Protein backbone atom coordinates (compact mmCIF):
# COMPACT_ATOMS: atom_id res chain seq x y z
CA MET A 1 0.00 0.00 0.00
CA GLU A 2 1.32 3.44 -0.87
CA LYS A 3 2.10 5.61 2.15
CA ASP A 4 0.10 8.58 0.84
CA ARG A 5 -2.96 6.44 0.15
CA GLU A 6 -5.62 6.90 2.81
CA TYR A 7 -7.52 3.86 4.05
CA ILE A 8 -11.08 4.55 5.10
CA PRO A 9 -12.81 1.56 6.72
CA ARG A 10 -16.41 1.13 5.59
CA PRO A 11 -18.00 -1.63 7.66
CA VAL A 12 -21.53 -2.72 6.80
CA ASN A 13 -23.98 -0.75 8.91
CA THR A 14 -25.57 -3.18 11.36
CA GLU A 15 -26.93 -0.63 13.86
CA HIS A 16 -30.55 -1.39 12.90
CA VAL A 17 -30.25 -5.15 13.40
CA GLN A 18 -32.14 -6.62 16.34
CA LEU A 19 -30.97 -10.16 16.95
CA PRO A 20 -33.32 -12.73 18.45
CA GLU A 21 -32.55 -13.78 22.02
CA ASP A 22 -31.26 -17.22 21.01
CA LEU A 23 -28.58 -15.62 18.83
CA ILE A 24 -27.66 -13.09 21.50
CA SER A 25 -27.08 -15.97 23.90
CA LEU A 26 -24.83 -17.58 21.27
CA THR A 27 -22.53 -14.53 21.35
CA GLU A 28 -20.55 -15.66 24.40
CA LYS A 29 -19.83 -19.09 22.90
CA ILE A 30 -18.68 -17.49 19.66
CA ALA A 31 -16.55 -14.98 21.59
CA GLU A 32 -14.85 -17.81 23.47
CA ASN A 33 -14.15 -19.63 20.22
CA ILE A 34 -12.76 -16.45 18.64
CA HIS A 35 -10.35 -16.18 21.53
CA ASN A 36 -9.38 -19.85 21.30
CA VAL A 37 -8.70 -19.56 17.56
CA TRP A 38 -6.60 -16.44 18.19
CA ALA A 39 -4.66 -18.05 21.07
CA TYR A 40 -4.05 -21.25 19.12
CA GLY A 41 -2.68 -19.24 16.19
CA ARG A 42 -0.40 -17.21 18.45
CA MET A 43 0.92 -20.33 20.15
CA GLN A 44 1.58 -21.90 16.74
CA GLU A 45 3.65 -18.80 15.95
CA GLY A 46 5.70 -19.29 19.13
CA TRP A 47 3.91 -16.86 21.43
CA ARG A 48 3.59 -17.77 25.08
CA TRP A 49 2.26 -16.31 28.29
CA GLY A 50 4.04 -13.33 29.81
CA GLU A 51 2.92 -10.79 32.38
CA VAL A 52 3.50 -7.94 29.92
CA ARG A 53 3.18 -8.02 26.13
CA ASP A 54 6.56 -8.14 24.42
CA ASP A 55 6.44 -8.52 20.64
CA ARG A 56 10.16 -9.22 20.37
CA LEU A 57 10.04 -12.10 22.84
CA LYS A 58 6.54 -13.15 21.72
CA LEU A 59 5.02 -12.80 25.18
CA THR A 60 1.44 -11.83 25.92
CA PRO A 61 -0.79 -12.02 29.00
CA CYS A 62 -3.72 -13.05 26.78
CA VAL A 63 -2.75 -16.65 25.97
CA VAL A 64 -4.92 -17.92 28.80
CA PRO A 65 -8.31 -19.63 28.88
CA TYR A 66 -11.17 -17.31 27.94
CA GLU A 67 -12.57 -17.23 31.46
CA GLU A 68 -9.24 -15.86 32.73
CA LEU A 69 -9.13 -12.95 30.27
CA PRO A 70 -9.61 -9.42 31.56
CA GLU A 71 -13.14 -8.17 30.92
CA ASN A 72 -11.97 -5.64 28.30
CA GLU A 73 -10.45 -8.47 26.22
CA LYS A 74 -13.63 -10.54 26.52
CA GLU A 75 -15.65 -7.52 25.44
CA TYR A 76 -13.52 -7.16 22.29
CA ASP A 77 -14.30 -10.79 21.38
CA ARG A 78 -17.99 -10.30 22.20
CA ARG A 79 -18.23 -7.27 19.92
CA THR A 80 -16.57 -9.24 17.13
CA ALA A 81 -19.03 -12.11 17.64
CA MET A 82 -22.06 -9.80 17.80
CA GLU A 83 -21.05 -7.87 14.69
CA SER A 84 -20.47 -11.14 12.82
CA LEU A 85 -23.96 -12.35 13.72
CA LYS A 86 -25.46 -9.02 12.70
CA LEU A 87 -23.58 -9.06 9.37
CA ILE A 88 -24.87 -12.58 8.63
CA THR A 89 -28.39 -11.24 9.21
CA VAL A 90 -27.90 -8.12 7.06
CA LEU A 91 -26.59 -10.29 4.23
CA GLY A 92 -29.85 -12.23 4.28
CA TYR A 93 -28.76 -15.43 5.98
CA THR A 94 -30.48 -17.10 8.89
CA ILE A 95 -29.08 -19.28 11.63
CA GLU A 96 -31.14 -22.12 13.03
CA LYS A 97 -30.29 -24.58 15.75
CA LYS A 98 -30.85 -28.14 14.65
CA GLU A 99 -33.05 -30.22 16.87
CA LYS A 100 -31.25 -33.11 18.52
CA LYS A 101 -32.55 -36.50 17.45
């Protein structure tokens, strides 16, 4: 990318989307999985736990189980999950839970 080229993010507007309660309750499970995918990828790259983030040494305090994350980190994953669910809805898709047989 050229240095003088300005990037302007244009996310799909999902402000008007009202998710049904069953999808809202799914948000926490998706958020936990988002974190697990992120942590797995970091660990595959050689990152490990450290009290303070250090990019050079590949240390981060966030390679811990989801329930041990600080609330602000969980909230980041929740927002990502919620916006993903809203985008799926805006794009015209539906999500249904299959009945167990």
